[in-house]
Amino acid sequence: MDNTFYSYRVEDKSYVSFVKREIHNLCVATGFSSQKTGEIDIIVSELSSNLVKFVGEGEFLYRTSTDIKGDFFELYCLDKGRGISNLVQMMKDGASTSQTLGQGLGAIERLSSESSVYTLKDWGTIVYCKVYKKTQSTFVSEENIKLGGVKVNMPGETNCGDGYAVKHVNDGVFFFLGDGLGHGNHAHEAVSTAITAFKACREKSPVATLQYIHQEVKKTRGLVATIAHLDFKAQKWFLCGVGNIATSIYNGLEGKNYTPYNGIVGLNIPRTLTDSVVELNKYQTLIMHSDGLRGRWSLNSLPGVLKHPPEIIAGALYKDHARGTDDMSVLVAKVNI
């Protein structure tokens, strides 16, 4: 299981049976029960048929992966249609209109462990859902941190040169996002080695962690990377990056961008690095992404999106700003303190 999504464009009804079969086979291969696989089949069938019927085309992002709650299947359905005019009504089982995607949204919500919908008039719709392999009476809660991310290969590549990871420590959380130089297997090797080093490192600051990773990846092609440390004890963020990873922290609707140092981790980094320090406030949102996402974006163009789970924010940024010509990754963390 990996955190890379398969990307599949649905352009007419002839594509539907293929994507349904691929997702079914993926779930079977990763050990989902026949009941869970059947429920996922229903979700995919509802989304794909409505996508073709009411919008005409769109994109599925899907994967199997694991987190502290267990193994799961995760799915995005993205379209650029007219949007859902009455989302509350459409969430009722069986509800639909001849002009909007809607039928089956209630069933999707009921069959999913987690789900969310974001829609705007003439912008389109994102439907997100997550189904855990095992039904649990109580989930381990991440309490203060909610995470969402999207990582997609460059078209034609089987391995992704981007990668992200999250590490929980006693008094906080470390976030890593990296982009191996170029793409393909060598870029994948560089970022994978960096993530292994990131997880193993016991340094206390992003600067020291980057310096540690720099030594560990010298035999690879190298990468650009940024690390953010959320320190609950100090009530501060500490950030440091080398290369063109974009990082923003939103306080409400106001976002601030943080500029990384020039250089390449594993090849050449500045001798002197300093952590940027930011005060921790209530309801902040951290957004990190590689250059597979166009840099000129603003959440102000997506009314109310910050009220939604981080998965929706990541999906919306991908939908609107993915270049489609390179590996792409975006990591979103919402902090509730």
C-alpha atoms as a PDB file:
ATOM      1  CA  MET A   1       0.000   0.000   0.000  1.00  0.00           C
ATOM      2  CA  ASP A   2       1.284   3.460  -0.944  1.00  0.00           C
ATOM      3  CA  ASN A   3      -0.020   7.016  -0.742  1.00  0.00           C
ATOM      4  CA  THR A   4       0.029   7.499  -4.535  1.00  0.00           C
ATOM      5  CA  PHE A   5      -3.354   7.821  -6.243  1.00  0.00           C
ATOM      6  CA  TYR A   6      -4.306   6.196  -9.489  1.00  0.00           C
ATOM      7  CA  SER A   7      -5.744   8.806 -11.847  1.00  0.00           C
ATOM      8  CA  TYR A   8      -8.433   7.775 -14.313  1.00  0.00           C
ATOM      9  CA  ARG A   9     -10.404  10.050 -16.612  1.00  0.00           C
ATOM     10  CA  VAL A  10     -13.997   9.057 -17.349  1.00  0.00           C
ATOM     11  CA  GLU A  11     -14.993  10.644 -20.674  1.00  0.00           C
ATOM     12  CA  ASP A  12     -18.031   8.624 -21.688  1.00  0.00           C
ATOM     13  CA  LYS A  13     -19.973   5.547 -20.595  1.00  0.00           C
ATOM     14  CA  SER A  14     -17.543   3.154 -22.295  1.00  0.00           C
ATOM     15  CA  TYR A  15     -14.967   4.036 -19.611  1.00  0.00           C
ATOM     16  CA  VAL A  16     -17.226   3.190 -16.678  1.00  0.00           C
ATOM     17  CA  SER A  17     -16.996  -0.600 -16.766  1.00  0.00           C
ATOM     18  CA  PHE A  18     -13.196  -0.436 -16.917  1.00  0.00           C
ATOM     19  CA  VAL A  19     -12.720   1.822 -13.901  1.00  0.00           C
ATOM     20  CA  LYS A  20     -15.273  -0.197 -11.915  1.00  0.00           C
ATOM     21  CA  ARG A  21     -13.372  -3.400 -12.687  1.00  0.00           C
ATOM     22  CA  GLU A  22      -9.981  -1.857 -11.849  1.00  0.00           C
ATOM     23  CA  ILE A  23     -11.166  -0.576  -8.475  1.00  0.00           C
ATOM     24  CA  HIS A  24     -12.902  -3.874  -7.673  1.00  0.00           C
ATOM     25  CA  ASN A  25      -9.737  -5.845  -8.455  1.00  0.00           C
ATOM     26  CA  LEU A  26      -7.608  -3.444  -6.400  1.00  0.00           C
ATOM     27  CA  CYS A  27      -9.818  -3.896  -3.339  1.00  0.00           C
ATOM     28  CA  VAL A  28      -9.853  -7.675  -3.690  1.00  0.00           C
ATOM     29  CA  ALA A  29      -6.059  -7.770  -4.121  1.00  0.00           C
ATOM     30  CA  THR A  30      -5.533  -5.722  -0.959  1.00  0.00           C
ATOM     31  CA  GLY A  31      -7.702  -7.963   1.191  1.00  0.00           C
ATOM     32  CA  PHE A  32     -11.046  -6.175   1.500  1.00  0.00           C
ATOM     33  CA  SER A  33     -13.894  -8.504   2.420  1.00  0.00           C
ATOM     34  CA  SER A  34     -16.561  -9.343  -0.125  1.00  0.00           C
ATOM     35  CA  GLN A  35     -19.024  -7.174   1.822  1.00  0.00           C
ATOM     36  CA  LYS A  36     -16.702  -4.149   1.888  1.00  0.00           C
ATOM     37  CA  THR A  37     -15.758  -4.664  -1.755  1.00  0.00           C
ATOM     38  CA  GLY A  38     -19.452  -4.811  -2.662  1.00  0.00           C
ATOM     39  CA  GLU A  39     -20.094  -1.549  -0.820  1.00  0.00           C
ATOM     40  CA  ILE A  40     -17.198   0.094  -2.660  1.00  0.00           C
ATOM     41  CA  ASP A  41     -18.621  -1.265  -5.936  1.00  0.00           C
ATOM     42  CA  ILE A  42     -21.904   0.518  -5.180  1.00  0.00           C
ATOM     43  CA  ILE A  43     -20.112   3.796  -4.430  1.00  0.00           C
ATOM     44  CA  VAL A  44     -18.100   3.626  -7.659  1.00  0.00           C
ATOM     45  CA  SER A  45     -21.144   2.651  -9.699  1.00  0.00           C
ATOM     46  CA  GLU A  46     -23.206   5.568  -8.367  1.00  0.00           C
ATOM     47  CA  LEU A  47     -20.452   8.114  -8.939  1.00  0.00           C
ATOM     48  CA  SER A  48     -19.395   6.924 -12.383  1.00  0.00           C
ATOM     49  CA  SER A  49     -22.890   6.575 -13.820  1.00  0.00           C
ATOM     50  CA  ASN A  50     -23.969   9.980 -12.543  1.00  0.00           C
ATOM     51  CA  LEU A  51     -20.737  11.553 -13.743  1.00  0.00           C
ATOM     52  CA  VAL A  52     -21.411  10.410 -17.300  1.00  0.00           C
ATOM     53  CA  LYS A  53     -25.157  11.088 -17.179  1.00  0.00           C
ATOM     54  CA  PHE A  54     -25.172  14.566 -15.667  1.00  0.00           C
ATOM     55  CA  VAL A  55     -21.734  16.033 -16.376  1.00  0.00           C
ATOM     56  CA  GLY A  56     -20.318  14.105 -19.315  1.00  0.00           C
ATOM     57  CA  GLU A  57     -16.775  13.609 -18.044  1.00  0.00           C
ATOM     58  CA  GLY A  58     -14.556  13.889 -15.002  1.00  0.00           C
ATOM     59  CA  GLU A  59     -11.710  12.257 -13.124  1.00  0.00           C
ATOM     60  CA  PHE A  60     -11.375   9.564 -10.488  1.00  0.00           C
ATOM     61  CA  LEU A  61      -8.475   9.507  -8.046  1.00  0.00           C
ATOM     62  CA  TYR A  62      -8.309   6.320  -5.992  1.00  0.00           C
ATOM     63  CA  ARG A  63      -5.923   4.305  -3.861  1.00  0.00           C
ATOM     64  CA  THR A  64      -5.612   1.831  -1.020  1.00  0.00           C
ATOM     65  CA  SER A  65      -3.403   2.883   1.875  1.00  0.00           C
ATOM     66  CA  THR A  66      -3.156   2.761   5.653  1.00  0.00           C
ATOM     67  CA  ASP A  67      -3.186   5.151   8.607  1.00  0.00           C
ATOM     68  CA  ILE A  68      -3.422   4.864  12.385  1.00  0.00           C
ATOM     69  CA  LYS A  69      -7.020   3.654  12.036  1.00  0.00           C
ATOM     70  CA  GLY A  70      -6.110   0.812   9.673  1.00  0.00           C
ATOM     71  CA  ASP A  71      -6.164  -0.028   5.972  1.00  0.00           C
ATOM     72  CA  PHE A  72      -8.562   1.901   3.769  1.00  0.00           C
ATOM     73  CA  PHE A  73      -9.790   2.612   0.256  1.00  0.00           C
ATOM     74  CA  GLU A  74      -9.971   6.287  -0.723  1.00  0.00           C
ATOM     75  CA  LEU A  75     -11.713   7.895  -3.702  1.00  0.00           C
ATOM     76  CA  TYR A  76     -12.173  11.334  -5.244  1.00  0.00           C
ATOM     77  CA  CYS A  77     -14.651  12.069  -8.009  1.00  0.00           C
ATOM     78  CA  LEU A  78     -13.849  15.418  -9.643  1.00  0.00           C
ATOM     79  CA  ASP A  79     -15.794  17.254 -12.319  1.00  0.00           C
ATOM     80  CA  LYS A  80     -16.014  20.732 -13.848  1.00  0.00           C
ATOM     81  CA  GLY A  81     -19.749  20.723 -14.417  1.00  0.00           C
ATOM     82  CA  ARG A  82     -22.523  23.066 -13.309  1.00  0.00           C
ATOM     83  CA  GLY A  83     -22.395  22.022  -9.670  1.00  0.00           C
ATOM     84  CA  ILE A  84     -25.166  20.770  -7.394  1.00  0.00           C
ATOM     85  CA  SER A  85     -27.888  23.363  -6.919  1.00  0.00           C
ATOM     86  CA  ASN A  86     -29.361  21.929  -3.690  1.00  0.00           C
ATOM     87  CA  LEU A  87     -26.796  19.785  -1.923  1.00  0.00           C
ATOM     88  CA  VAL A  88     -28.908  19.176   1.197  1.00  0.00           C
ATOM     89  CA  GLN A  89     -31.731  17.754  -0.910  1.00  0.00           C
ATOM     90  CA  MET A  90     -29.328  15.704  -3.032  1.00  0.00           C
ATOM     91  CA  MET A  91     -27.841  14.018   0.051  1.00  0.00           C
ATOM     92  CA  LYS A  92     -31.128  12.212   0.598  1.00  0.00           C
ATOM     93  CA  ASP A  93     -31.117   8.649  -0.740  1.00  0.00           C
ATOM     94  CA  GLY A  94     -32.620   8.491  -4.204  1.00  0.00           C
ATOM     95  CA  ALA A  95     -32.767  12.237  -4.736  1.00  0.00           C
ATOM     96  CA  SER A  96     -31.791  13.625  -8.133  1.00  0.00           C
ATOM     97  CA  THR A  97     -32.727  16.109 -10.800  1.00  0.00           C
ATOM     98  CA  SER A  98     -32.316  16.042 -14.535  1.00  0.00           C
ATOM     99  CA  GLN A  99     -29.800  18.878 -14.335  1.00  0.00           C
ATOM    100  CA  THR A 100     -27.471  18.007 -11.444  1.00  0.00           C
ATOM    101  CA  LEU A 101     -25.300  15.205 -10.154  1.00  0.00           C
ATOM    102  CA  GLY A 102     -26.996  13.995  -7.018  1.00  0.00           C
ATOM    103  CA  GLN A 103     -28.595  10.567  -7.118  1.00  0.00           C
ATOM    104  CA  GLY A 104     -26.818   8.211  -4.767  1.00  0.00           C
ATOM    105  CA  LEU A 105     -24.966  10.805  -2.679  1.00  0.00           C
ATOM    106  CA  GLY A 106     -26.931   9.719   0.373  1.00  0.00           C
ATOM    107  CA  ALA A 107     -26.029   6.092  -0.246  1.00  0.00           C
ATOM    108  CA  ILE A 108     -22.372   7.033  -0.700  1.00  0.00           C
ATOM    109  CA  GLU A 109     -22.374   8.865   2.620  1.00  0.00           C
ATOM    110  CA  ARG A 110     -24.007   5.906   4.355  1.00  0.00           C
ATOM    111  CA  LEU A 111     -21.601   3.316   2.929  1.00  0.00           C
ATOM    112  CA  SER A 112     -18.441   5.354   3.558  1.00  0.00           C
ATOM    113  CA  SER A 113     -16.464   5.543   6.784  1.00  0.00           C
ATOM    114  CA  GLU A 114     -15.831   9.218   5.933  1.00  0.00           C
ATOM    115  CA  SER A 115     -17.231  11.348   3.126  1.00  0.00           C
ATOM    116  CA  SER A 116     -17.595  14.948   2.058  1.00  0.00           C
ATOM    117  CA  VAL A 117     -18.916  16.954  -0.904  1.00  0.00           C
ATOM    118  CA  TYR A 118     -17.870  20.390  -2.102  1.00  0.00           C
ATOM    119  CA  THR A 119     -19.664  22.072  -4.981  1.00  0.00           C
ATOM    120  CA  LEU A 120     -19.945  25.519  -6.570  1.00  0.00           C
ATOM    121  CA  LYS A 121     -22.157  26.786  -9.367  1.00  0.00           C
ATOM    122  CA  ASP A 122     -20.373  26.516 -12.742  1.00  0.00           C
ATOM    123  CA  TRP A 123     -17.178  25.331 -10.978  1.00  0.00           C
ATOM    124  CA  GLY A 124     -18.052  21.700 -10.503  1.00  0.00           C
ATOM    125  CA  THR A 125     -18.100  19.181  -7.704  1.00  0.00           C
ATOM    126  CA  ILE A 126     -15.737  17.131  -5.576  1.00  0.00           C
ATOM    127  CA  VAL A 127     -17.072  13.990  -3.934  1.00  0.00           C
ATOM    128  CA  TYR A 128     -14.658  12.409  -1.479  1.00  0.00           C
ATOM    129  CA  CYS A 129     -15.072   9.124   0.376  1.00  0.00           C
ATOM    130  CA  LYS A 130     -13.005   6.752   2.471  1.00  0.00           C
ATOM    131  CA  VAL A 131     -13.837   3.165   3.395  1.00  0.00           C
ATOM    132  CA  TYR A 132     -11.857   1.300   6.057  1.00  0.00           C
ATOM    133  CA  LYS A 133     -11.171  -2.398   5.582  1.00  0.00           C
ATOM    134  CA  LYS A 134     -12.382  -3.258   9.062  1.00  0.00           C
ATOM    135  CA  THR A 135     -15.361  -1.669  10.744  1.00  0.00           C
ATOM    136  CA  GLN A 136     -14.293  -0.389  14.159  1.00  0.00           C
ATOM    137  CA  SER A 137     -16.554   0.603  17.008  1.00  0.00           C
ATOM    138  CA  THR A 138     -14.097   3.296  18.080  1.00  0.00           C
ATOM    139  CA  PHE A 139     -11.407   4.905  15.936  1.00  0.00           C
ATOM    140  CA  VAL A 140      -8.142   6.202  17.301  1.00  0.00           C
ATOM    141  CA  SER A 141      -8.547   9.963  17.125  1.00  0.00           C
ATOM    142  CA  GLU A 142      -5.866  12.291  15.804  1.00  0.00           C
ATOM    143  CA  GLU A 143      -7.549  14.991  17.915  1.00  0.00           C
ATOM    144  CA  ASN A 144      -5.728  18.207  17.095  1.00  0.00           C
ATOM    145  CA  ILE A 145      -4.558  17.358  13.563  1.00  0.00           C
ATOM    146  CA  LYS A 146      -6.574  16.393  10.508  1.00  0.00           C
ATOM    147  CA  LEU A 147      -4.634  15.429   7.384  1.00  0.00           C
ATOM    148  CA  GLY A 148      -5.430  15.210   3.692  1.00  0.00           C
ATOM    149  CA  GLY A 149      -3.211  14.754   0.687  1.00  0.00           C
ATOM    150  CA  VAL A 150      -3.118  13.967  -3.004  1.00  0.00           C
ATOM    151  CA  LYS A 151      -0.110  12.496  -4.817  1.00  0.00           C
ATOM    152  CA  VAL A 152      -0.284  11.565  -8.511  1.00  0.00           C
ATOM    153  CA  ASN A 153       2.349  10.255 -10.924  1.00  0.00           C
ATOM    154  CA  MET A 154       3.469  12.142 -13.990  1.00  0.00           C
ATOM    155  CA  PRO A 155       1.414  10.700 -16.901  1.00  0.00           C
ATOM    156  CA  GLY A 156       3.130   7.608 -18.265  1.00  0.00           C
ATOM    157  CA  GLU A 157       5.223   6.953 -15.147  1.00  0.00           C
ATOM    158  CA  THR A 158       4.709   4.026 -12.783  1.00  0.00           C
ATOM    159  CA  ASN A 159       6.654   5.539  -9.862  1.00  0.00           C
ATOM    160  CA  CYS A 160       6.164   8.990  -8.342  1.00  0.00           C
ATOM    161  CA  GLY A 161       9.107  11.320  -7.743  1.00  0.00           C
ATOM    162  CA  ASP A 162       7.124  13.299  -5.155  1.00  0.00           C
ATOM    163  CA  GLY A 163       6.453  12.185  -1.614  1.00  0.00           C
ATOM    164  CA  TYR A 164       5.157  13.355   1.733  1.00  0.00           C
ATOM    165  CA  ALA A 165       5.244  11.977   5.257  1.00  0.00           C
ATOM    166  CA  VAL A 166       4.046  12.912   8.735  1.00  0.00           C
ATOM    167  CA  LYS A 167       5.809  12.035  11.991  1.00  0.00           C
ATOM    168  CA  HIS A 168       4.226  12.416  15.437  1.00  0.00           C
ATOM    169  CA  VAL A 169       6.579  13.258  18.289  1.00  0.00           C
ATOM    170  CA  ASN A 170       5.979  13.827  22.011  1.00  0.00           C
ATOM    171  CA  ASP A 171       5.108  17.509  21.799  1.00  0.00           C
ATOM    172  CA  GLY A 172       4.061  17.949  18.204  1.00  0.00           C
ATOM    173  CA  VAL A 173       4.112  16.828  14.601  1.00  0.00           C
ATOM    174  CA  PHE A 174       6.672  16.989  11.784  1.00  0.00           C
ATOM    175  CA  PHE A 175       5.490  17.335   8.158  1.00  0.00           C
ATOM    176  CA  PHE A 176       7.732  16.535   5.171  1.00  0.00           C
ATOM    177  CA  LEU A 177       7.136  17.120   1.466  1.00  0.00           C
ATOM    178  CA  GLY A 178       9.793  16.448  -1.168  1.00  0.00           C
ATOM    179  CA  ASP A 179      10.237  16.334  -4.933  1.00  0.00           C
ATOM    180  CA  GLY A 180      13.036  14.236  -6.438  1.00  0.00           C
ATOM    181  CA  LEU A 181      14.873  15.884  -9.320  1.00  0.00           C
ATOM    182  CA  GLY A 182      13.262  14.989 -12.633  1.00  0.00           C
ATOM    183  CA  HIS A 183      10.791  12.124 -12.582  1.00  0.00           C
ATOM    184  CA  GLY A 184      10.639   8.361 -12.822  1.00  0.00           C
ATOM    185  CA  ASN A 185      12.598   5.739 -10.891  1.00  0.00           C
ATOM    186  CA  HIS A 186      15.599   7.891  -9.949  1.00  0.00           C
ATOM    187  CA  ALA A 187      13.412  10.694  -8.594  1.00  0.00           C
ATOM    188  CA  HIS A 188      11.350   8.100  -6.722  1.00  0.00           C
ATOM    189  CA  GLU A 189      14.505   6.632  -5.194  1.00  0.00           C
ATOM    190  CA  ALA A 190      15.647  10.074  -4.005  1.00  0.00           C
ATOM    191  CA  VAL A 191      12.381  11.014  -2.314  1.00  0.00           C
ATOM    192  CA  SER A 192      11.876   7.529  -0.840  1.00  0.00           C
ATOM    193  CA  THR A 193      15.372   7.604   0.696  1.00  0.00           C
ATOM    194  CA  ALA A 194      14.619  11.068   2.078  1.00  0.00           C
ATOM    195  CA  ILE A 195      11.358   9.897   3.670  1.00  0.00           C
ATOM    196  CA  THR A 196      13.133   6.938   5.287  1.00  0.00           C
ATOM    197  CA  ALA A 197      15.734   9.340   6.707  1.00  0.00           C
ATOM    198  CA  PHE A 198      13.015  11.765   7.850  1.00  0.00           C
ATOM    199  CA  LYS A 199      11.220   9.035   9.782  1.00  0.00           C
ATOM    200  CA  ALA A 200      14.463   7.806  11.371  1.00  0.00           C
ATOM    201  CA  CYS A 201      15.814  11.230  12.320  1.00  0.00           C
ATOM    202  CA  ARG A 202      15.622  12.247  15.981  1.00  0.00           C
ATOM    203  CA  GLU A 203      16.647  15.874  15.531  1.00  0.00           C
ATOM    204  CA  LYS A 204      14.458  18.516  17.141  1.00  0.00           C
ATOM    205  CA  SER A 205      14.287  21.150  14.378  1.00  0.00           C
ATOM    206  CA  PRO A 206      13.505  21.289  10.635  1.00  0.00           C
ATOM    207  CA  VAL A 207      17.011  22.705   9.959  1.00  0.00           C
ATOM    208  CA  ALA A 208      18.759  19.809  11.694  1.00  0.00           C
ATOM    209  CA  THR A 209      16.400  17.309  10.083  1.00  0.00           C
ATOM    210  CA  LEU A 210      17.108  18.674   6.602  1.00  0.00           C
ATOM    211  CA  GLN A 211      20.835  18.541   7.275  1.00  0.00           C
ATOM    212  CA  TYR A 212      20.492  14.919   8.373  1.00  0.00           C
ATOM    213  CA  ILE A 213      18.480  14.033   5.248  1.00  0.00           C
ATOM    214  CA  HIS A 214      21.068  15.856   3.101  1.00  0.00           C
ATOM    215  CA  GLN A 215      23.767  13.440   4.286  1.00  0.00           C
ATOM    216  CA  GLU A 216      21.564  10.372   3.818  1.00  0.00           C
ATOM    217  CA  VAL A 217      20.538  11.097   0.202  1.00  0.00           C
ATOM    218  CA  LYS A 218      23.934  12.030  -1.239  1.00  0.00           C
ATOM    219  CA  LYS A 219      24.101   8.828  -3.287  1.00  0.00           C
ATOM    220  CA  THR A 220      20.792   9.640  -4.990  1.00  0.00           C
ATOM    221  CA  ARG A 221      19.846  12.187  -7.614  1.00  0.00           C
ATOM    222  CA  GLY A 222      18.814  14.651  -4.910  1.00  0.00           C
ATOM    223  CA  LEU A 223      15.586  16.472  -4.220  1.00  0.00           C
ATOM    224  CA  VAL A 224      13.947  19.661  -3.029  1.00  0.00           C
ATOM    225  CA  ALA A 225      12.179  19.454   0.309  1.00  0.00           C
ATOM    226  CA  THR A 226      10.480  21.404   3.075  1.00  0.00           C
ATOM    227  CA  ILE A 227       9.883  20.391   6.687  1.00  0.00           C
ATOM    228  CA  ALA A 228       7.381  21.983   9.047  1.00  0.00           C
ATOM    229  CA  HIS A 229       7.384  21.275  12.777  1.00  0.00           C
ATOM    230  CA  LEU A 230       4.268  22.026  14.775  1.00  0.00           C
ATOM    231  CA  ASP A 231       5.447  22.328  18.384  1.00  0.00           C
ATOM    232  CA  PHE A 232       2.490  22.291  20.764  1.00  0.00           C
ATOM    233  CA  LYS A 233       4.676  22.901  23.817  1.00  0.00           C
ATOM    234  CA  ALA A 234       6.241  26.059  22.354  1.00  0.00           C
ATOM    235  CA  GLN A 235       2.954  27.001  20.629  1.00  0.00           C
ATOM    236  CA  LYS A 236       4.854  27.729  17.431  1.00  0.00           C
ATOM    237  CA  TRP A 237       5.517  26.476  13.913  1.00  0.00           C
ATOM    238  CA  PHE A 238       9.112  25.980  12.796  1.00  0.00           C
ATOM    239  CA  LEU A 239       9.697  25.712   9.024  1.00  0.00           C
ATOM    240  CA  CYS A 240      12.699  25.242   6.759  1.00  0.00           C
ATOM    241  CA  GLY A 241      12.953  24.259   3.105  1.00  0.00           C
ATOM    242  CA  VAL A 242      15.517  23.913   0.312  1.00  0.00           C
ATOM    243  CA  GLY A 243      14.246  24.232  -3.246  1.00  0.00           C
ATOM    244  CA  ASN A 244      10.876  25.069  -4.732  1.00  0.00           C
ATOM    245  CA  ILE A 245       8.372  23.382  -2.421  1.00  0.00           C
ATOM    246  CA  ALA A 246       5.538  25.870  -1.805  1.00  0.00           C
ATOM    247  CA  THR A 247       4.368  26.230   1.789  1.00  0.00           C
ATOM    248  CA  SER A 248       1.527  28.354   3.178  1.00  0.00           C
ATOM    249  CA  ILE A 249      -0.097  28.695   6.573  1.00  0.00           C
ATOM    250  CA  TYR A 250      -3.647  30.042   6.625  1.00  0.00           C
ATOM    251  CA  ASN A 251      -5.068  31.912   9.605  1.00  0.00           C
ATOM    252  CA  GLY A 252      -8.713  31.969   8.638  1.00  0.00           C
ATOM    253  CA  LEU A 253      -8.894  33.347   5.104  1.00  0.00           C
ATOM    254  CA  GLU A 254      -5.518  35.016   5.330  1.00  0.00           C
ATOM    255  CA  GLY A 255      -2.618  32.959   4.054  1.00  0.00           C
ATOM    256  CA  LYS A 256       1.105  33.600   4.331  1.00  0.00           C
ATOM    257  CA  ASN A 257       3.699  32.017   2.056  1.00  0.00           C
ATOM    258  CA  TYR A 258       7.134  30.929   3.272  1.00  0.00           C
ATOM    259  CA  THR A 259      10.182  31.204   1.017  1.00  0.00           C
ATOM    260  CA  PRO A 260      12.653  28.286   0.979  1.00  0.00           C
ATOM    261  CA  TYR A 261      16.417  28.495   0.490  1.00  0.00           C
ATOM    262  CA  ASN A 262      18.025  27.871  -2.894  1.00  0.00           C
ATOM    263  CA  GLY A 263      19.769  24.540  -3.337  1.00  0.00           C
ATOM    264  CA  ILE A 264      19.285  20.798  -3.746  1.00  0.00           C
ATOM    265  CA  VAL A 265      19.110  18.411  -0.801  1.00  0.00           C
ATOM    266  CA  GLY A 266      21.800  15.781  -1.304  1.00  0.00           C
ATOM    267  CA  LEU A 267      23.888  17.946  -3.626  1.00  0.00           C
ATOM    268  CA  ASN A 268      24.248  21.477  -2.290  1.00  0.00           C
ATOM    269  CA  ILE A 269      22.484  23.245   0.541  1.00  0.00           C
ATOM    270  CA  PRO A 270      23.427  26.530   2.232  1.00  0.00           C
ATOM    271  CA  ARG A 271      25.951  26.222   5.049  1.00  0.00           C
ATOM    272  CA  THR A 272      23.730  28.356   7.241  1.00  0.00           C
ATOM    273  CA  LEU A 273      20.047  27.521   7.524  1.00  0.00           C
ATOM    274  CA  THR A 274      17.568  29.094   9.914  1.00  0.00           C
ATOM    275  CA  ASP A 275      14.079  27.972  10.855  1.00  0.00           C
ATOM    276  CA  SER A 276      11.243  30.369  10.136  1.00  0.00           C
ATOM    277  CA  VAL A 277       9.095  30.737  13.257  1.00  0.00           C
ATOM    278  CA  VAL A 278       5.335  31.326  13.211  1.00  0.00           C
ATOM    279  CA  GLU A 279       2.936  31.650  16.124  1.00  0.00           C
ATOM    280  CA  LEU A 280       0.447  28.822  16.533  1.00  0.00           C
ATOM    281  CA  ASN A 281      -3.137  30.060  16.432  1.00  0.00           C
ATOM    282  CA  LYS A 282      -6.543  28.438  16.477  1.00  0.00           C
ATOM    283  CA  TYR A 283      -7.828  26.781  13.324  1.00  0.00           C
ATOM    284  CA  GLN A 284      -4.753  27.183  11.162  1.00  0.00           C
ATOM    285  CA  THR A 285      -4.300  25.288   7.906  1.00  0.00           C
ATOM    286  CA  LEU A 286      -0.912  24.189   6.554  1.00  0.00           C
ATOM    287  CA  ILE A 287      -0.645  23.648   2.786  1.00  0.00           C
ATOM    288  CA  MET A 288       2.494  22.218   1.148  1.00  0.00           C
ATOM    289  CA  HIS A 289       2.875  21.230  -2.506  1.00  0.00           C
ATOM    290  CA  SER A 290       5.390  20.465  -5.227  1.00  0.00           C
ATOM    291  CA  ASP A 291       5.769  22.345  -8.513  1.00  0.00           C
ATOM    292  CA  GLY A 292       3.418  19.842 -10.130  1.00  0.00           C
ATOM    293  CA  LEU A 293       0.789  22.278  -8.856  1.00  0.00           C
ATOM    294  CA  ARG A 294       0.745  25.759 -10.361  1.00  0.00           C
ATOM    295  CA  GLY A 295       1.889  28.289  -7.788  1.00  0.00           C
ATOM    296  CA  ARG A 296      -0.611  31.089  -8.439  1.00  0.00           C
ATOM    297  CA  TRP A 297      -3.712  30.055  -6.562  1.00  0.00           C
ATOM    298  CA  SER A 298      -5.877  31.483  -3.823  1.00  0.00           C
ATOM    299  CA  LEU A 299      -8.416  29.811  -1.578  1.00  0.00           C
ATOM    300  CA  ASN A 300     -10.430  33.032  -1.724  1.00  0.00           C
ATOM    301  CA  SER A 301     -11.771  31.807  -5.068  1.00  0.00           C
ATOM    302  CA  LEU A 302     -13.294  28.774  -3.298  1.00  0.00           C
ATOM    303  CA  PRO A 303     -15.910  30.128  -0.857  1.00  0.00           C
ATOM    304  CA  GLY A 304     -16.248  28.083   2.305  1.00  0.00           C
ATOM    305  CA  VAL A 305     -13.638  25.494   1.352  1.00  0.00           C
ATOM    306  CA  LEU A 306     -11.678  25.986   4.592  1.00  0.00           C
ATOM    307  CA  LYS A 307     -14.716  24.739   6.510  1.00  0.00           C
ATOM    308  CA  HIS A 308     -14.354  21.388   4.777  1.00  0.00           C
ATOM    309  CA  PRO A 309     -12.004  18.517   5.649  1.00  0.00           C
ATOM    310  CA  PRO A 310      -8.389  18.808   4.454  1.00  0.00           C
ATOM    311  CA  GLU A 311      -9.014  16.119   1.846  1.00  0.00           C
ATOM    312  CA  ILE A 312     -11.449  18.452   0.074  1.00  0.00           C
ATOM    313  CA  ILE A 313      -8.954  21.337   0.149  1.00  0.00           C
ATOM    314  CA  ALA A 314      -6.248  19.105  -1.347  1.00  0.00           C
ATOM    315  CA  GLY A 315      -8.663  17.798  -3.989  1.00  0.00           C
ATOM    316  CA  ALA A 316      -9.817  21.293  -4.944  1.00  0.00           C
ATOM    317  CA  LEU A 317      -6.238  22.501  -5.425  1.00  0.00           C
ATOM    318  CA  TYR A 318      -5.467  19.454  -7.548  1.00  0.00           C
ATOM    319  CA  LYS A 319      -8.631  19.882  -9.608  1.00  0.00           C
ATOM    320  CA  ASP A 320      -7.963  23.521 -10.457  1.00  0.00           C
ATOM    321  CA  HIS A 321      -4.189  23.774 -10.550  1.00  0.00           C
ATOM    322  CA  ALA A 322      -2.476  20.461 -11.364  1.00  0.00           C
ATOM    323  CA  ARG A 323      -0.183  20.941 -14.361  1.00  0.00           C
ATOM    324  CA  GLY A 324      -0.690  17.392 -15.604  1.00  0.00           C
ATOM    325  CA  THR A 325       2.865  17.292 -17.004  1.00  0.00           C
ATOM    326  CA  ASP A 326       4.811  16.306 -13.866  1.00  0.00           C
ATOM    327  CA  ASP A 327       4.520  14.397 -10.619  1.00  0.00           C
ATOM    328  CA  MET A 328       2.187  16.280  -8.284  1.00  0.00           C
ATOM    329  CA  SER A 329       1.732  16.222  -4.529  1.00  0.00           C
ATOM    330  CA  VAL A 330      -0.147  18.400  -2.066  1.00  0.00           C
ATOM    331  CA  LEU A 331      -0.421  17.907   1.695  1.00  0.00           C
ATOM    332  CA  VAL A 332      -2.968  19.745   3.860  1.00  0.00           C
ATOM    333  CA  ALA A 333      -3.111  19.747   7.659  1.00  0.00           C
ATOM    334  CA  LYS A 334      -5.875  21.432   9.653  1.00  0.00           C
ATOM    335  CA  VAL A 335      -5.047  22.283  13.247  1.00  0.00           C
ATOM    336  CA  ASN A 336      -7.816  22.467  15.849  1.00  0.00           C
ATOM    337  CA  ILE A 337      -6.572  23.676  19.231  1.00  0.00           C
END
